[in-house]
Structure formats: C-alpha cells, structure tokens
N, C-alpha and C. Protein backbone atom coordinates (compact mmCIF):
# COMPACT_ATOMS: atom_id res chain seq x y z
N MET A 1 -3.55 -16.17 -15.32
CA MET A 1 -4.25 -14.92 -15.16
C MET A 1 -3.24 -13.87 -14.66
N SER A 2 -3.24 -12.70 -15.24
CA SER A 2 -2.28 -11.68 -14.83
C SER A 2 -2.65 -11.13 -13.46
N ASP A 3 -1.63 -10.64 -12.75
CA ASP A 3 -1.85 -10.12 -11.40
C ASP A 3 -2.73 -8.89 -11.39
N SER A 4 -2.60 -8.01 -12.39
CA SER A 4 -3.40 -6.79 -12.41
C SER A 4 -4.88 -7.11 -12.61
N PHE A 5 -5.19 -8.09 -13.45
CA PHE A 5 -6.59 -8.47 -13.66
C PHE A 5 -7.16 -9.08 -12.38
N TYR A 6 -6.36 -9.92 -11.74
CA TYR A 6 -6.81 -10.56 -10.49
C TYR A 6 -7.00 -9.53 -9.39
N THR A 7 -6.11 -8.54 -9.31
CA THR A 7 -6.24 -7.49 -8.32
C THR A 7 -7.49 -6.65 -8.57
N LYS A 8 -7.77 -6.35 -9.83
CA LYS A 8 -8.97 -5.59 -10.16
C LYS A 8 -10.23 -6.39 -9.84
N LEU A 9 -10.14 -7.71 -10.00
CA LEU A 9 -11.30 -8.56 -9.76
C LEU A 9 -11.63 -8.68 -8.27
N GLU A 10 -10.74 -8.24 -7.39
CA GLU A 10 -11.03 -8.23 -5.96
C GLU A 10 -12.04 -7.16 -5.61
N ASN A 11 -12.24 -6.19 -6.47
CA ASN A 11 -13.20 -5.12 -6.25
C ASN A 11 -14.60 -5.62 -6.63
N PRO A 12 -15.58 -5.53 -5.71
CA PRO A 12 -16.93 -6.03 -6.03
C PRO A 12 -17.57 -5.35 -7.23
N VAL A 13 -17.27 -4.08 -7.45
CA VAL A 13 -17.83 -3.38 -8.61
C VAL A 13 -17.29 -3.99 -9.90
N ALA A 14 -16.00 -4.27 -9.93
CA ALA A 14 -15.40 -4.90 -11.12
C ALA A 14 -15.98 -6.29 -11.34
N GLN A 15 -16.21 -7.02 -10.26
CA GLN A 15 -16.83 -8.35 -10.38
C GLN A 15 -18.21 -8.23 -11.01
N ALA A 16 -18.99 -7.27 -10.54
CA ALA A 16 -20.34 -7.09 -11.06
C ALA A 16 -20.32 -6.71 -12.54
N VAL A 17 -19.37 -5.88 -12.93
CA VAL A 17 -19.28 -5.46 -14.34
C VAL A 17 -18.91 -6.65 -15.22
N VAL A 18 -17.97 -7.48 -14.77
CA VAL A 18 -17.56 -8.65 -15.56
C VAL A 18 -18.72 -9.63 -15.67
N ILE A 19 -19.42 -9.86 -14.57
CA ILE A 19 -20.57 -10.78 -14.57
C ILE A 19 -21.67 -10.23 -15.48
N LEU A 20 -21.94 -8.94 -15.40
CA LEU A 20 -22.97 -8.33 -16.24
C LEU A 20 -22.61 -8.45 -17.72
N ALA A 21 -21.34 -8.25 -18.04
CA ALA A 21 -20.91 -8.38 -19.44
C ALA A 21 -21.13 -9.81 -19.94
N GLY A 22 -20.79 -10.79 -19.12
CA GLY A 22 -21.02 -12.18 -19.52
C GLY A 22 -22.49 -12.49 -19.72
N ALA A 23 -23.32 -11.97 -18.83
CA ALA A 23 -24.76 -12.20 -18.95
C ALA A 23 -25.31 -11.55 -20.22
N VAL A 24 -24.86 -10.35 -20.52
CA VAL A 24 -25.34 -9.65 -21.73
C VAL A 24 -24.92 -10.42 -22.98
N VAL A 25 -23.70 -10.93 -22.99
CA VAL A 25 -23.23 -11.70 -24.17
C VAL A 25 -24.11 -12.93 -24.39
N LEU A 26 -24.41 -13.67 -23.32
CA LEU A 26 -25.25 -14.86 -23.49
C LEU A 26 -26.69 -14.51 -23.85
N MET A 27 -27.24 -13.45 -23.25
CA MET A 27 -28.60 -13.03 -23.59
C MET A 27 -28.67 -12.59 -25.05
N PHE A 28 -27.66 -11.85 -25.48
CA PHE A 28 -27.62 -11.41 -26.87
C PHE A 28 -27.49 -12.60 -27.81
N GLY A 29 -26.68 -13.59 -27.42
CA GLY A 29 -26.55 -14.80 -28.23
C GLY A 29 -27.87 -15.54 -28.36
N GLY A 30 -28.60 -15.66 -27.26
CA GLY A 30 -29.92 -16.30 -27.31
C GLY A 30 -30.90 -15.53 -28.17
N TRP A 31 -30.88 -14.22 -28.05
CA TRP A 31 -31.76 -13.38 -28.86
C TRP A 31 -31.41 -13.51 -30.34
N LEU A 32 -30.10 -13.52 -30.63
CA LEU A 32 -29.64 -13.64 -32.01
C LEU A 32 -30.05 -14.99 -32.61
N LEU A 33 -29.94 -16.05 -31.83
CA LEU A 33 -30.37 -17.37 -32.32
C LEU A 33 -31.87 -17.40 -32.61
N THR A 34 -32.65 -16.71 -31.80
CA THR A 34 -34.09 -16.67 -32.00
C THR A 34 -34.45 -15.83 -33.22
N VAL A 35 -33.84 -14.67 -33.35
CA VAL A 35 -34.15 -13.76 -34.47
C VAL A 35 -33.78 -14.38 -35.80
N THR A 36 -32.65 -15.07 -35.86
CA THR A 36 -32.22 -15.67 -37.12
C THR A 36 -32.88 -17.02 -37.39
N ASN A 37 -33.68 -17.48 -36.46
CA ASN A 37 -34.41 -18.75 -36.58
C ASN A 37 -33.48 -19.96 -36.67
N ILE A 38 -32.26 -19.81 -36.22
CA ILE A 38 -31.34 -20.95 -36.19
C ILE A 38 -31.81 -21.94 -35.12
N TYR A 39 -32.05 -21.41 -33.94
CA TYR A 39 -32.52 -22.23 -32.83
C TYR A 39 -33.33 -21.32 -31.90
N PRO A 40 -34.64 -21.33 -32.00
CA PRO A 40 -35.45 -20.46 -31.14
C PRO A 40 -35.35 -20.89 -29.68
N VAL A 41 -34.91 -19.98 -28.84
CA VAL A 41 -34.77 -20.28 -27.41
C VAL A 41 -36.07 -19.93 -26.68
N ASP A 42 -36.20 -20.44 -25.49
CA ASP A 42 -37.35 -20.19 -24.64
C ASP A 42 -37.49 -18.69 -24.38
N PRO A 43 -38.71 -18.17 -24.34
CA PRO A 43 -38.88 -16.73 -24.08
C PRO A 43 -38.29 -16.29 -22.73
N LEU A 44 -38.19 -17.21 -21.77
CA LEU A 44 -37.64 -16.86 -20.46
C LEU A 44 -36.14 -17.15 -20.37
N PHE A 45 -35.50 -17.42 -21.50
CA PHE A 45 -34.06 -17.72 -21.51
C PHE A 45 -33.26 -16.58 -20.88
N ALA A 46 -33.60 -15.35 -21.18
CA ALA A 46 -32.86 -14.21 -20.64
C ALA A 46 -32.97 -14.16 -19.11
N TRP A 47 -34.15 -14.52 -18.60
CA TRP A 47 -34.32 -14.52 -17.14
C TRP A 47 -33.50 -15.62 -16.49
N SER A 48 -33.38 -16.76 -17.14
CA SER A 48 -32.56 -17.83 -16.57
C SER A 48 -31.09 -17.44 -16.56
N ILE A 49 -30.64 -16.75 -17.59
CA ILE A 49 -29.26 -16.27 -17.64
C ILE A 49 -29.05 -15.22 -16.54
N ALA A 50 -30.00 -14.32 -16.37
CA ALA A 50 -29.87 -13.28 -15.35
C ALA A 50 -29.73 -13.89 -13.95
N THR A 51 -30.58 -14.85 -13.63
CA THR A 51 -30.51 -15.45 -12.30
C THR A 51 -29.26 -16.31 -12.12
N ALA A 52 -28.86 -17.01 -13.16
CA ALA A 52 -27.64 -17.83 -13.07
C ALA A 52 -26.42 -16.96 -12.83
N PHE A 53 -26.34 -15.83 -13.52
CA PHE A 53 -25.18 -14.97 -13.35
C PHE A 53 -25.23 -14.22 -12.02
N MET A 54 -26.41 -13.97 -11.50
CA MET A 54 -26.49 -13.39 -10.15
C MET A 54 -25.98 -14.39 -9.11
N LEU A 55 -26.30 -15.67 -9.29
CA LEU A 55 -25.79 -16.69 -8.39
C LEU A 55 -24.27 -16.82 -8.52
N LEU A 56 -23.77 -16.74 -9.74
CA LEU A 56 -22.33 -16.76 -9.96
C LEU A 56 -21.66 -15.60 -9.24
N PHE A 57 -22.23 -14.41 -9.32
CA PHE A 57 -21.69 -13.26 -8.61
C PHE A 57 -21.72 -13.50 -7.11
N ALA A 58 -22.80 -14.07 -6.60
CA ALA A 58 -22.91 -14.31 -5.15
C ALA A 58 -21.80 -15.23 -4.67
N MET A 59 -21.53 -16.29 -5.42
CA MET A 59 -20.48 -17.22 -5.01
C MET A 59 -19.09 -16.61 -5.17
N LEU A 60 -18.83 -15.98 -6.31
CA LEU A 60 -17.53 -15.36 -6.56
C LEU A 60 -17.24 -14.27 -5.54
N ASN A 61 -18.21 -13.43 -5.30
CA ASN A 61 -18.03 -12.32 -4.38
C ASN A 61 -17.79 -12.81 -2.96
N SER A 62 -18.51 -13.83 -2.56
CA SER A 62 -18.32 -14.38 -1.21
C SER A 62 -16.93 -14.95 -1.04
N LEU A 63 -16.45 -15.68 -2.04
CA LEU A 63 -15.11 -16.24 -1.95
C LEU A 63 -14.03 -15.16 -1.98
N MET A 64 -14.24 -14.14 -2.78
CA MET A 64 -13.25 -13.06 -2.86
C MET A 64 -13.22 -12.22 -1.59
N SER A 65 -14.30 -12.28 -0.79
CA SER A 65 -14.32 -11.52 0.46
C SER A 65 -13.31 -12.05 1.47
N LEU A 66 -12.83 -13.27 1.26
CA LEU A 66 -11.80 -13.82 2.16
C LEU A 66 -10.52 -13.00 2.10
N ARG A 67 -10.23 -12.41 0.97
CA ARG A 67 -9.01 -11.65 0.80
C ARG A 67 -9.16 -10.18 1.20
N ALA A 68 -10.36 -9.76 1.54
CA ALA A 68 -10.60 -8.35 1.85
C ALA A 68 -9.92 -7.96 3.17
N ASP A 69 -9.33 -6.78 3.17
CA ASP A 69 -8.70 -6.28 4.40
C ASP A 69 -9.75 -5.86 5.41
N SER A 70 -10.71 -5.09 4.97
CA SER A 70 -11.79 -4.62 5.84
C SER A 70 -13.10 -5.23 5.34
N PHE A 71 -13.64 -6.13 6.15
CA PHE A 71 -14.86 -6.81 5.72
C PHE A 71 -16.03 -5.84 5.61
N MET A 72 -16.12 -4.86 6.49
CA MET A 72 -17.26 -3.94 6.45
C MET A 72 -17.27 -3.10 5.17
N LYS A 73 -16.10 -2.63 4.75
CA LYS A 73 -16.03 -1.88 3.48
C LYS A 73 -16.39 -2.79 2.31
N TYR A 74 -15.85 -4.00 2.33
CA TYR A 74 -16.12 -4.94 1.25
C TYR A 74 -17.60 -5.30 1.23
N TRP A 75 -18.17 -5.50 2.39
CA TRP A 75 -19.59 -5.86 2.50
C TRP A 75 -20.46 -4.76 1.91
N GLY A 76 -20.17 -3.51 2.24
CA GLY A 76 -20.94 -2.39 1.72
C GLY A 76 -20.86 -2.30 0.20
N ARG A 77 -19.64 -2.40 -0.33
CA ARG A 77 -19.47 -2.36 -1.79
C ARG A 77 -20.14 -3.55 -2.46
N SER A 78 -20.10 -4.71 -1.78
CA SER A 78 -20.74 -5.90 -2.33
C SER A 78 -22.26 -5.73 -2.40
N MET A 79 -22.83 -5.16 -1.38
CA MET A 79 -24.29 -4.96 -1.37
C MET A 79 -24.72 -4.03 -2.51
N TYR A 80 -24.01 -2.91 -2.64
CA TYR A 80 -24.37 -1.97 -3.71
C TYR A 80 -24.13 -2.59 -5.09
N SER A 81 -23.06 -3.36 -5.22
CA SER A 81 -22.78 -4.02 -6.49
C SER A 81 -23.85 -5.05 -6.81
N TYR A 82 -24.29 -5.80 -5.81
CA TYR A 82 -25.31 -6.81 -6.04
C TYR A 82 -26.64 -6.16 -6.42
N ILE A 83 -26.99 -5.09 -5.74
CA ILE A 83 -28.25 -4.39 -6.08
C ILE A 83 -28.17 -3.86 -7.51
N GLY A 84 -27.04 -3.27 -7.87
CA GLY A 84 -26.88 -2.77 -9.23
C GLY A 84 -26.92 -3.89 -10.26
N LEU A 85 -26.27 -5.02 -9.94
CA LEU A 85 -26.27 -6.15 -10.85
C LEU A 85 -27.67 -6.73 -11.01
N ALA A 86 -28.40 -6.85 -9.90
CA ALA A 86 -29.77 -7.38 -9.97
C ALA A 86 -30.65 -6.47 -10.81
N PHE A 87 -30.51 -5.17 -10.63
CA PHE A 87 -31.31 -4.22 -11.40
C PHE A 87 -30.95 -4.28 -12.88
N CYS A 88 -29.65 -4.27 -13.19
CA CYS A 88 -29.22 -4.25 -14.59
C CYS A 88 -29.54 -5.56 -15.31
N THR A 89 -29.29 -6.70 -14.65
CA THR A 89 -29.61 -7.96 -15.33
C THR A 89 -31.11 -8.11 -15.51
N GLY A 90 -31.88 -7.63 -14.53
CA GLY A 90 -33.34 -7.67 -14.68
C GLY A 90 -33.82 -6.79 -15.82
N LEU A 91 -33.26 -5.60 -15.91
CA LEU A 91 -33.64 -4.67 -16.98
C LEU A 91 -33.26 -5.22 -18.35
N ILE A 92 -32.07 -5.77 -18.45
CA ILE A 92 -31.61 -6.30 -19.74
C ILE A 92 -32.39 -7.56 -20.11
N ALA A 93 -32.69 -8.41 -19.11
CA ALA A 93 -33.50 -9.61 -19.39
C ALA A 93 -34.90 -9.21 -19.86
N TRP A 94 -35.45 -8.17 -19.27
CA TRP A 94 -36.76 -7.67 -19.70
C TRP A 94 -36.69 -7.15 -21.13
N MET A 95 -35.58 -6.44 -21.45
CA MET A 95 -35.44 -5.90 -22.80
C MET A 95 -35.31 -7.02 -23.84
N PHE A 96 -34.55 -8.07 -23.54
CA PHE A 96 -34.37 -9.16 -24.50
C PHE A 96 -35.58 -10.08 -24.60
N SER A 97 -36.28 -10.29 -23.48
CA SER A 97 -37.40 -11.23 -23.50
C SER A 97 -38.75 -10.56 -23.73
N GLY A 98 -38.86 -9.30 -23.34
CA GLY A 98 -40.14 -8.62 -23.43
C GLY A 98 -41.10 -9.04 -22.32
N ILE A 99 -40.59 -9.76 -21.34
CA ILE A 99 -41.42 -10.25 -20.23
C ILE A 99 -40.92 -9.60 -18.95
N ALA A 100 -41.81 -8.98 -18.21
CA ALA A 100 -41.44 -8.35 -16.95
C ALA A 100 -41.20 -9.43 -15.89
N LEU A 101 -40.46 -9.08 -14.84
CA LEU A 101 -40.14 -10.03 -13.79
C LEU A 101 -41.40 -10.57 -13.11
N ARG A 102 -42.40 -9.73 -12.92
CA ARG A 102 -43.63 -10.19 -12.27
C ARG A 102 -44.39 -11.20 -13.12
N ASP A 103 -44.12 -11.20 -14.43
CA ASP A 103 -44.77 -12.15 -15.34
C ASP A 103 -43.86 -13.33 -15.70
N ALA A 104 -42.66 -13.36 -15.13
CA ALA A 104 -41.68 -14.38 -15.49
C ALA A 104 -41.84 -15.66 -14.66
N GLY A 105 -42.94 -15.80 -13.98
CA GLY A 105 -43.22 -17.03 -13.23
C GLY A 105 -42.30 -17.20 -12.04
N THR A 106 -41.63 -18.35 -11.99
CA THR A 106 -40.81 -18.67 -10.83
C THR A 106 -39.52 -17.88 -10.75
N TYR A 107 -39.17 -17.18 -11.81
CA TYR A 107 -37.92 -16.42 -11.77
C TYR A 107 -37.98 -15.28 -10.75
N ARG A 108 -39.15 -14.80 -10.44
CA ARG A 108 -39.28 -13.79 -9.38
C ARG A 108 -38.84 -14.39 -8.05
N TRP A 109 -39.27 -15.62 -7.79
CA TRP A 109 -38.89 -16.28 -6.54
C TRP A 109 -37.42 -16.67 -6.56
N ILE A 110 -36.92 -17.03 -7.71
CA ILE A 110 -35.50 -17.37 -7.81
C ILE A 110 -34.66 -16.14 -7.50
N TYR A 111 -35.09 -14.97 -7.96
CA TYR A 111 -34.40 -13.72 -7.63
C TYR A 111 -34.33 -13.54 -6.12
N ILE A 112 -35.44 -13.79 -5.43
CA ILE A 112 -35.48 -13.64 -3.97
C ILE A 112 -34.57 -14.66 -3.30
N VAL A 113 -34.63 -15.91 -3.75
CA VAL A 113 -33.80 -16.96 -3.15
C VAL A 113 -32.32 -16.68 -3.37
N VAL A 114 -31.94 -16.24 -4.55
CA VAL A 114 -30.53 -15.94 -4.82
C VAL A 114 -30.07 -14.76 -3.96
N THR A 115 -30.93 -13.79 -3.76
CA THR A 115 -30.58 -12.65 -2.92
C THR A 115 -30.36 -13.09 -1.47
N ILE A 116 -31.25 -13.90 -0.95
CA ILE A 116 -31.08 -14.41 0.41
C ILE A 116 -29.83 -15.29 0.47
N GLY A 117 -29.62 -16.11 -0.56
CA GLY A 117 -28.42 -16.94 -0.61
C GLY A 117 -27.15 -16.11 -0.62
N PHE A 118 -27.16 -14.99 -1.32
CA PHE A 118 -26.00 -14.10 -1.35
C PHE A 118 -25.69 -13.60 0.05
N LEU A 119 -26.71 -13.18 0.77
CA LEU A 119 -26.50 -12.70 2.14
C LEU A 119 -25.98 -13.82 3.04
N VAL A 120 -26.50 -15.02 2.87
CA VAL A 120 -26.05 -16.16 3.66
C VAL A 120 -24.60 -16.52 3.32
N PHE A 121 -24.27 -16.58 2.02
CA PHE A 121 -22.90 -16.89 1.61
C PHE A 121 -21.91 -15.89 2.21
N LEU A 122 -22.22 -14.62 2.08
CA LEU A 122 -21.32 -13.58 2.56
C LEU A 122 -21.17 -13.66 4.07
N SER A 123 -22.24 -13.92 4.79
CA SER A 123 -22.19 -14.04 6.24
C SER A 123 -21.41 -15.28 6.67
N MET A 124 -21.61 -16.39 5.98
CA MET A 124 -20.88 -17.62 6.33
C MET A 124 -19.38 -17.45 6.13
N VAL A 125 -19.00 -16.85 5.04
CA VAL A 125 -17.58 -16.65 4.77
C VAL A 125 -16.97 -15.73 5.82
N ASN A 126 -17.68 -14.68 6.19
CA ASN A 126 -17.18 -13.77 7.22
C ASN A 126 -17.06 -14.50 8.56
N PHE A 127 -18.04 -15.33 8.89
CA PHE A 127 -18.02 -16.08 10.14
C PHE A 127 -16.84 -17.06 10.15
N MET A 128 -16.61 -17.75 9.05
CA MET A 128 -15.47 -18.67 8.97
C MET A 128 -14.15 -17.92 9.09
N LYS A 129 -14.09 -16.73 8.49
CA LYS A 129 -12.87 -15.92 8.57
C LYS A 129 -12.61 -15.50 10.01
N LYS A 130 -13.65 -15.15 10.74
CA LYS A 130 -13.51 -14.77 12.16
C LYS A 130 -13.04 -15.95 12.99
N ILE A 131 -13.56 -17.14 12.71
CA ILE A 131 -13.14 -18.34 13.45
C ILE A 131 -11.66 -18.63 13.21
N VAL A 132 -11.23 -18.52 11.97
CA VAL A 132 -9.82 -18.76 11.65
C VAL A 132 -8.94 -17.71 12.32
N GLN A 133 -9.35 -16.45 12.31
CA GLN A 133 -8.57 -15.41 12.98
C GLN A 133 -8.48 -15.67 14.48
N PHE A 134 -9.57 -16.12 15.08
CA PHE A 134 -9.56 -16.44 16.50
C PHE A 134 -8.63 -17.61 16.77
N ALA A 135 -8.69 -18.64 15.94
CA ALA A 135 -7.84 -19.81 16.12
C ALA A 135 -6.37 -19.47 15.95
N GLU A 136 -6.06 -18.54 15.05
CA GLU A 136 -4.67 -18.14 14.86
C GLU A 136 -4.14 -17.37 16.06
N ARG A 137 -4.99 -16.61 16.73
CA ARG A 137 -4.57 -15.84 17.90
C ARG A 137 -4.47 -16.71 19.15
N GLU A 138 -5.26 -17.74 19.21
CA GLU A 138 -5.34 -18.59 20.39
C GLU A 138 -4.05 -19.37 20.58
N GLU A 139 -3.66 -19.53 21.83
CA GLU A 139 -2.47 -20.29 22.15
C GLU A 139 -2.85 -21.75 22.35
N TRP A 140 -2.23 -22.61 21.58
CA TRP A 140 -2.57 -24.02 21.65
C TRP A 140 -1.47 -24.77 22.40
N ASN A 141 -1.90 -25.59 23.32
CA ASN A 141 -0.96 -26.43 24.07
C ASN A 141 -0.94 -27.82 23.48
N GLN A 142 0.08 -28.55 23.88
CA GLN A 142 0.20 -29.92 23.41
C GLN A 142 -0.94 -30.75 23.99
N PRO A 143 -1.51 -31.69 23.20
CA PRO A 143 -2.59 -32.50 23.73
C PRO A 143 -2.15 -33.32 24.94
N ARG A 144 -3.08 -33.55 25.85
CA ARG A 144 -2.76 -34.35 27.03
C ARG A 144 -2.65 -35.81 26.65
N ARG A 145 -1.74 -36.48 27.31
CA ARG A 145 -1.55 -37.91 27.05
C ARG A 145 -2.51 -38.70 27.90
N ARG A 146 -3.06 -39.74 27.31
CA ARG A 146 -3.95 -40.63 28.03
C ARG A 146 -3.13 -41.73 28.69
N ARG A 147 -3.60 -42.20 29.80
CA ARG A 147 -2.89 -43.29 30.50
C ARG A 147 -3.41 -44.61 30.11
C-alpha cells in the first residue's frame, strides 16, 4: 500500500468515503443480480450490506485512532463521519431495496447496536492509549527479589 493512500486513510472522512464506495458497489451488484434474474438476492440484502460496512467502519476507525495526534479532533471528525456514513448507507440501502429502515425488521436494531458498538470501540481504544501513555511516563524500578 502506498504511503500517500495510507496517510489519506488516517482521515475519518476518507475512511467513510472508501467504506461507502465499497457498500455501494456491493449493493449495486446485488441489485444487478436481481434485475438480470441471474441470482435473485434477498430484498433486505442492501440493509445487510449497509450494517456490515458500518461495522467495518467502526472497527477500522477505532484502530486508526491509535495513530491520531489529537484524540479529541479525531473523535469529532469520526462522529460526523459515522453519522454521515449511517445516513448515506441507509439512504442508498432504501433506494436499492425499496424498504425503509423502520420496515427492515431487525436491521433497525442492528443499526443501534453498531452505533453503540462504535462508541464503545472508540472509547476502549482511547482508554488503552491513555494507559500506554501513562505506563511510558511512569518510572519502573527493578522487581524486588524474594528470599
């Protein structure tokens, strides 16, 4: 992977755009398979892709936050990117499936669970980063010998 692509991928907005593009490609592929009658997919296929890619964003974004210089700036951009991604994937899934989120059954709850999971992932990674920073600053002495 080139350094410039990796550097751009550290930006939460760029992550959301890449994830959204992947979700759209798969949703379009499922729609195309259904329209051509090659392999009719489930009507809720687009919603499953939307939620799966939101979970992928949550995990990728949380791991990439380890490299962030300022966690608060990264956290703010991550929140706005996640909200935008959730809105866009939901809108596109509705367009491809013709089923609104409120009628998509358990996918409404999966949206809520993935959102809470995103907040938990981001908080856990930040907490682990703080622990490591504290441990690096702390002065460690040699362990005491037992008699």
